[in-house]
Amino acid sequence: MAEARGVPEGIAVRARALVKTYGSTRALDGVDLDIPSGKVLGLLGPNGAGKTTTVRILTTLLRPDSGTATVAGHDVLADPDSVRNSIGLSGQYAAVDENLTGFENLYMVGRLYGRRKADARSRARELISRFALTDAADRPTKGYSGGMRRRLDLAGALVAEPTVVILDEPTTGLDPGGRLDTWAVIKELVSDGTTVLLTTQYLEEADQLADNIVVIDKGKVIARGTADELKNEIGGERLEIVVASPEDLAVTRRVLAEVGVGEPGVDDHTRRVDVLVEGGPKALIEALRRLDGENVAVLDVGLHRPTLDDVFLSLTGHAPQDEGAKA
């Protein structure tokens, strides 16, 4: 079926030239995506970049003004019912019925997908255990914490054992332990052959999970590739210096601004200043020479290859933490 629609075999999700406008705002401006079967695509971008609009189109919740998209071999406009039967979706906000227990929520989803009663019960209990909700399974979800609701919502996306799972910021609101547990579940899904589209505000998450990454901004794709390819594109390294005295942070920031590329970052708590540099070792030596001339006592110094945070900053002009705070 995929080949009949012009989609190569082995491509689970494809979007071509997606456009969506809201009045004078162009939310999507010709977005192209490909996700090979059994792979994870990380969709990154600032708030308002078009990530959620893309998700809504691929899940048939929104019609594009123009362009095409297929999911699991089904056209999102011509055959939306088949798309819905092929996907699992976990949105930014946990979609649970507060008047039902955790078990009842998952059982209801199973029945809505047409599973027999016994099968729906079995699948609900399996997912309750998988997402560490056993102790709360028979309690109304109105008493669940935010993290528990997120886990239940993600479990709901997996009830029908879909071939494609779309996760829109799935770990928002989870503590570090819950985030690691969710990562483990996503890795398990992919190992079983499931295809995953992941939008996230945590760049470490994309680095850990995504086989490929697409960065969008103002409705357009501005970069794509593996995490390593994107890091290599911006070049340079990150120079980090920890000083002995908080009083030396200002002069250290000035020195690194002079030897580096872009605006240095300053952490008052750790007394750390960092900046992207070209010609790493030479920049490090020059920074230390200048700091010595300013009588700055340095406790620690290091050079590191770029992170996805650096990529995000280079491409969009601001750090991802800014967007996380706004969210």
Protein backbone atom coordinates (compact mmCIF):
# COMPACT_ATOMS: atom_id res chain seq x y z
CA MET A 1 0.00 0.00 0.00
CA ALA A 2 2.83 2.38 0.83
CA GLU A 3 4.43 1.94 -2.57
CA ALA A 4 1.06 2.54 -4.28
CA ARG A 5 0.92 5.91 -2.57
CA GLY A 6 4.39 6.82 -3.76
CA VAL A 7 6.01 6.14 -0.39
CA PRO A 8 9.08 3.87 -0.51
CA GLU A 9 8.93 0.58 1.33
CA GLY A 10 10.31 0.91 4.85
CA ILE A 11 9.08 4.49 5.42
CA ALA A 12 6.46 4.46 8.17
CA VAL A 13 5.70 8.19 8.21
CA ARG A 14 6.14 10.67 5.37
CA ALA A 15 5.11 14.32 5.09
CA ARG A 16 5.68 16.50 2.08
CA ALA A 17 5.29 20.28 1.78
CA LEU A 18 2.89 20.59 4.73
CA VAL A 19 1.42 24.09 5.02
CA LYS A 20 -0.93 25.35 7.71
CA THR A 21 -1.93 28.95 8.32
CA TYR A 22 -3.96 30.63 11.03
CA GLY A 23 -4.97 34.01 9.67
CA SER A 24 -1.74 35.82 8.86
CA THR A 25 0.36 33.30 10.85
CA ARG A 26 2.03 30.55 8.83
CA ALA A 27 2.34 27.78 11.42
CA LEU A 28 3.82 25.32 8.90
CA ASP A 29 5.62 26.47 5.78
CA GLY A 30 6.45 23.45 3.66
CA VAL A 31 7.54 20.84 6.22
CA ASP A 32 9.00 17.54 4.93
CA LEU A 33 9.51 14.50 7.19
CA ASP A 34 10.49 10.85 6.73
CA ILE A 35 10.57 8.27 9.52
CA PRO A 36 11.88 4.80 8.63
CA SER A 37 10.02 1.88 10.18
CA GLY A 38 11.30 0.96 13.63
CA LYS A 39 13.19 4.24 14.11
CA VAL A 40 12.79 7.30 16.34
CA LEU A 41 12.60 10.78 14.83
CA GLY A 42 13.16 13.62 17.28
CA LEU A 43 11.26 16.78 16.32
CA LEU A 44 12.87 19.81 17.97
CA GLY A 45 12.16 23.51 17.88
CA PRO A 46 11.20 26.54 19.99
CA ASN A 47 7.68 26.93 21.34
CA GLY A 48 5.43 27.96 18.46
CA ALA A 49 7.79 26.51 15.85
CA GLY A 50 5.14 24.15 14.47
CA LYS A 51 5.88 20.89 16.30
CA THR A 52 2.40 20.38 17.72
CA THR A 53 0.74 21.50 14.47
CA THR A 54 2.74 18.80 12.67
CA VAL A 55 1.65 16.21 15.25
CA ARG A 56 -2.00 17.21 14.90
CA ILE A 57 -1.88 16.82 11.12
CA LEU A 58 -0.18 13.42 11.29
CA THR A 59 -2.77 12.21 13.82
CA THR A 60 -5.71 13.46 11.67
CA LEU A 61 -6.74 16.03 14.30
CA LEU A 62 -6.04 18.89 11.89
CA ARG A 63 -6.22 19.26 8.11
CA PRO A 64 -3.29 20.92 6.35
CA ASP A 65 -3.99 23.75 3.93
CA SER A 66 -1.77 21.96 1.43
CA GLY A 67 0.75 19.14 1.25
CA THR A 68 0.50 15.40 1.81
CA ALA A 69 1.16 12.97 4.65
CA THR A 70 0.99 9.22 5.07
CA VAL A 71 1.22 7.24 8.30
CA ALA A 72 1.68 3.45 8.25
CA GLY A 73 0.85 3.52 4.53
CA HIS A 74 -2.42 5.42 4.96
CA ASP A 75 -3.13 8.92 3.69
CA VAL A 76 -4.12 11.22 6.56
CA LEU A 77 -6.76 12.97 4.41
CA ALA A 78 -8.07 10.13 2.25
CA ASP A 79 -8.07 7.40 4.92
CA PRO A 80 -8.03 8.98 8.40
CA ASP A 81 -9.76 6.02 10.09
CA SER A 82 -6.96 3.65 9.07
CA VAL A 83 -4.39 6.16 10.32
CA ARG A 84 -6.12 6.32 13.72
CA ASN A 85 -6.21 2.53 13.92
CA SER A 86 -2.46 2.39 13.27
CA ILE A 87 -1.20 4.95 15.79
CA GLY A 88 -0.89 5.62 19.48
CA LEU A 89 -0.77 9.20 20.71
CA SER A 90 0.41 10.74 23.95
CA GLY A 91 -0.09 14.50 23.90
CA GLN A 92 1.43 17.30 25.93
CA TYR A 93 -1.31 17.04 28.53
CA ALA A 94 -2.38 13.75 30.10
CA ALA A 95 -5.77 12.74 28.70
CA VAL A 96 -7.29 10.66 31.51
CA ASP A 97 -10.79 10.42 32.96
CA GLU A 98 -10.45 11.59 36.56
CA ASN A 99 -13.56 9.70 37.66
CA LEU A 100 -12.16 6.33 36.56
CA THR A 101 -9.38 4.33 38.15
CA GLY A 102 -6.09 3.85 36.34
CA PHE A 103 -7.11 0.33 35.37
CA GLU A 104 -10.54 1.47 34.18
CA ASN A 105 -8.97 4.16 31.98
CA LEU A 106 -6.82 1.62 30.17
CA TYR A 107 -9.62 -0.95 30.01
CA MET A 108 -11.91 1.67 28.43
CA VAL A 109 -9.29 2.51 25.79
CA GLY A 110 -8.92 -1.19 24.98
CA ARG A 111 -12.66 -1.59 24.53
CA LEU A 112 -12.84 1.53 22.35
CA TYR A 113 -10.23 -0.08 20.11
CA GLY A 114 -12.50 -3.12 19.81
CA ARG A 115 -10.66 -5.53 22.08
CA ARG A 116 -12.65 -8.28 23.78
CA LYS A 117 -13.32 -7.75 27.49
CA ALA A 118 -10.82 -10.36 28.70
CA ASP A 119 -8.16 -9.11 26.30
CA ALA A 120 -8.75 -5.48 27.31
CA ARG A 121 -8.44 -6.42 31.01
CA SER A 122 -5.22 -8.37 30.39
CA ARG A 123 -3.64 -5.57 28.35
CA ALA A 124 -4.63 -2.96 30.96
CA ARG A 125 -3.05 -4.95 33.79
CA GLU A 126 0.10 -5.55 31.71
CA LEU A 127 0.54 -1.82 31.08
CA ILE A 128 -0.30 -0.89 34.68
CA SER A 129 2.61 -3.07 35.77
CA ARG A 130 4.91 -1.86 32.99
CA PHE A 131 4.46 1.77 34.04
CA ALA A 132 4.81 1.15 37.79
CA LEU A 133 1.18 1.99 38.60
CA THR A 134 0.18 -1.26 40.28
CA ASP A 135 -0.29 0.23 43.75
CA ALA A 136 -2.58 2.94 42.36
CA ALA A 137 -4.34 0.86 39.71
CA ASP A 138 -7.70 0.73 41.48
CA ARG A 139 -7.74 4.31 42.76
CA PRO A 140 -9.56 7.15 40.94
CA THR A 141 -7.05 9.08 38.84
CA LYS A 142 -8.22 12.39 40.33
CA GLY A 143 -5.85 11.55 43.19
CA TYR A 144 -2.88 10.80 40.91
CA SER A 145 0.17 13.04 40.82
CA GLY A 146 1.10 14.78 37.58
CA GLY A 147 3.82 12.24 36.91
CA MET A 148 1.44 9.31 37.46
CA ARG A 149 -1.05 10.84 35.02
CA ARG A 150 1.68 11.22 32.40
CA ARG A 151 2.65 7.56 32.78
CA LEU A 152 -0.99 6.48 32.53
CA ASP A 153 -1.47 8.60 29.41
CA LEU A 154 1.60 7.05 27.78
CA ALA A 155 0.30 3.59 28.69
CA GLY A 156 -2.99 4.49 27.01
CA ALA A 157 -1.13 5.27 23.80
CA LEU A 158 0.21 1.71 23.76
CA VAL A 159 -3.00 -0.21 24.51
CA ALA A 160 -3.66 -1.12 20.88
CA GLU A 161 -0.01 -2.10 20.24
CA PRO A 162 0.24 0.47 17.40
CA THR A 163 2.85 0.32 14.64
CA VAL A 164 3.46 4.07 14.96
CA VAL A 165 3.57 5.94 18.28
CA ILE A 166 3.52 9.73 18.39
CA LEU A 167 4.79 11.23 21.64
CA ASP A 168 4.35 14.97 22.09
CA GLU A 169 6.69 15.91 24.95
CA PRO A 170 6.01 12.62 26.79
CA THR A 171 8.22 13.26 29.83
CA THR A 172 7.13 16.79 30.66
CA GLY A 173 6.31 16.90 34.38
CA LEU A 174 8.13 13.66 35.22
CA ASP A 175 10.89 13.47 37.82
CA PRO A 176 14.31 12.20 36.65
CA GLY A 177 13.46 8.62 37.64
CA GLY A 178 10.16 8.72 35.75
CA ARG A 179 11.92 10.18 32.72
CA LEU A 180 14.47 7.36 32.69
CA ASP A 181 11.67 4.78 33.02
CA THR A 182 9.88 6.34 30.06
CA TRP A 183 13.08 6.30 28.01
CA ALA A 184 13.42 2.60 28.74
CA VAL A 185 9.86 1.97 27.51
CA ILE A 186 10.51 3.92 24.29
CA LYS A 187 13.71 1.96 23.65
CA GLU A 188 11.80 -1.27 24.24
CA LEU A 189 9.11 -0.20 21.77
CA VAL A 190 11.69 0.48 19.08
CA SER A 191 13.43 -2.82 19.73
CA ASP A 192 10.07 -4.48 18.98
CA GLY A 193 9.83 -2.64 15.65
CA THR A 194 7.59 0.30 16.60
CA THR A 195 8.14 3.62 14.84
CA VAL A 196 8.24 6.70 17.09
CA LEU A 197 7.83 10.42 16.43
CA LEU A 198 9.08 12.26 19.51
CA THR A 199 8.74 15.96 20.19
CA THR A 200 10.63 17.09 23.26
CA GLN A 201 11.94 20.14 25.06
CA TYR A 202 14.71 18.05 26.64
CA LEU A 203 17.62 17.91 24.22
CA GLU A 204 19.30 15.16 26.24
CA GLU A 205 16.18 13.10 25.53
CA ALA A 206 16.58 13.52 21.78
CA ASP A 207 20.29 12.74 22.08
CA GLN A 208 19.53 9.52 23.94
CA LEU A 209 16.56 8.27 21.92
CA ALA A 210 16.42 9.72 18.41
CA ASP A 211 17.97 7.97 15.42
CA ASN A 212 17.44 11.16 13.44
CA ILE A 213 16.52 14.72 14.37
CA VAL A 214 14.60 17.43 12.54
CA VAL A 215 14.77 21.00 13.85
CA ILE A 216 11.96 23.35 12.84
CA ASP A 217 11.61 27.07 13.48
CA LYS A 218 8.84 29.41 12.34
CA GLY A 219 7.19 26.55 10.49
CA LYS A 220 10.23 25.58 8.41
CA VAL A 221 12.77 22.76 8.69
CA ILE A 222 16.10 24.45 9.41
CA ALA A 223 18.24 21.36 10.04
CA ARG A 224 18.08 17.59 9.91
CA GLY A 225 20.43 14.69 10.58
CA THR A 226 21.68 12.45 13.36
CA ALA A 227 22.70 14.03 16.66
CA ASP A 228 26.37 13.57 15.75
CA GLU A 229 25.88 15.11 12.30
CA LEU A 230 24.18 18.18 13.77
CA LYS A 231 26.91 18.59 16.39
CA ASN A 232 29.60 18.34 13.74
CA GLU A 233 27.88 20.94 11.56
CA ILE A 234 28.30 23.77 14.05
CA GLY A 235 31.99 22.90 14.52
CA GLY A 236 34.19 24.03 17.37
CA GLU A 237 34.24 22.88 20.96
CA ARG A 238 32.94 24.19 24.26
CA LEU A 239 35.50 25.73 26.61
CA GLU A 240 34.53 25.59 30.29
CA ILE A 241 36.38 27.32 33.12
CA VAL A 242 35.64 27.19 36.85
CA VAL A 243 37.10 30.04 38.90
CA ALA A 244 37.93 30.11 42.59
CA SER A 245 36.15 33.35 43.45
CA PRO A 246 32.69 34.63 42.47
CA GLU A 247 34.28 38.07 42.09
CA ASP A 248 36.21 36.74 39.08
CA LEU A 249 33.12 35.69 37.09
CA ALA A 250 32.70 39.04 35.34
CA VAL A 251 36.27 39.24 34.06
CA THR A 252 36.21 35.55 33.08
CA ARG A 253 33.03 36.13 31.09
CA ARG A 254 34.68 39.06 29.31
CA VAL A 255 37.79 37.05 28.47
CA LEU A 256 35.81 34.11 27.11
CA ALA A 257 33.66 36.46 25.04
CA GLU A 258 36.88 37.70 23.45
CA VAL A 259 38.34 34.26 22.66
CA GLY A 260 35.06 32.44 21.96
CA VAL A 261 32.17 32.50 19.51
CA GLY A 262 28.90 33.93 20.78
CA GLU A 263 27.75 34.86 24.26
CA PRO A 264 29.37 32.96 27.17
CA GLY A 265 27.17 31.15 29.68
CA VAL A 266 27.67 31.89 33.37
CA ASP A 267 26.62 29.69 36.30
CA ASP A 268 26.95 31.71 39.51
CA HIS A 269 26.35 28.69 41.73
CA THR A 270 29.20 26.58 40.34
CA ARG A 271 31.32 29.60 39.32
CA ARG A 272 31.49 28.13 35.82
CA VAL A 273 31.80 30.13 32.59
CA ASP A 274 31.59 28.44 29.19
CA VAL A 275 31.62 29.43 25.53
CA LEU A 276 31.91 27.85 22.09
CA VAL A 277 35.40 28.20 20.60
CA GLU A 278 37.16 27.40 17.33
CA GLY A 279 40.62 25.86 17.40
CA GLY A 280 39.98 24.45 20.87
CA PRO A 281 43.48 23.99 22.35
CA LYS A 282 44.71 27.37 21.07
CA ALA A 283 41.63 29.12 22.47
CA LEU A 284 42.10 27.35 25.81
CA ILE A 285 45.76 28.44 26.04
CA GLU A 286 44.88 32.01 25.08
CA ALA A 287 42.05 32.15 27.65
CA LEU A 288 44.33 30.89 30.42
CA ARG A 289 47.05 33.38 29.41
CA ARG A 290 44.61 36.28 29.60
CA LEU A 291 43.08 35.10 32.87
CA ASP A 292 46.55 34.76 34.38
CA GLY A 293 47.24 38.33 33.34
CA GLU A 294 44.06 39.35 35.19
CA ASN A 295 45.18 37.38 38.29
CA VAL A 296 42.17 35.07 38.08
CA ALA A 297 42.57 31.81 40.01
CA VAL A 298 41.26 28.91 37.89
CA LEU A 299 40.09 25.74 39.65
CA ASP A 300 39.16 23.66 36.61
CA VAL A 301 39.26 23.91 32.83
CA GLY A 302 37.99 21.64 30.06
CA LEU A 303 37.20 21.32 26.35
CA HIS A 304 34.12 19.40 25.23
CA ARG A 305 32.57 18.68 21.85
CA PRO A 306 29.28 20.51 21.15
CA THR A 307 26.02 19.26 22.66
CA LEU A 308 22.53 19.39 21.18
CA ASP A 309 22.00 22.43 23.40
CA ASP A 310 24.79 24.13 21.45
CA VAL A 311 23.16 23.07 18.18
CA PHE A 312 19.83 24.49 19.33
CA LEU A 313 21.47 27.75 20.35
CA SER A 314 23.34 28.01 17.05
CA LEU A 315 20.24 27.33 14.94
CA THR A 316 17.56 29.26 16.83
CA GLY A 317 19.55 31.96 18.62
CA HIS A 318 18.61 31.00 22.17
CA ALA A 319 19.11 28.20 24.66
CA PRO A 320 16.46 25.45 24.95
CA GLN A 321 16.18 26.11 28.70
CA ASP A 322 14.49 29.40 27.84
CA GLU A 323 11.78 27.54 25.99
CA GLY A 324 11.40 25.01 28.79
CA ALA A 325 10.85 27.81 31.28
CA LYS A 326 8.19 29.39 29.08
CA ALA A 327 6.46 26.02 28.68
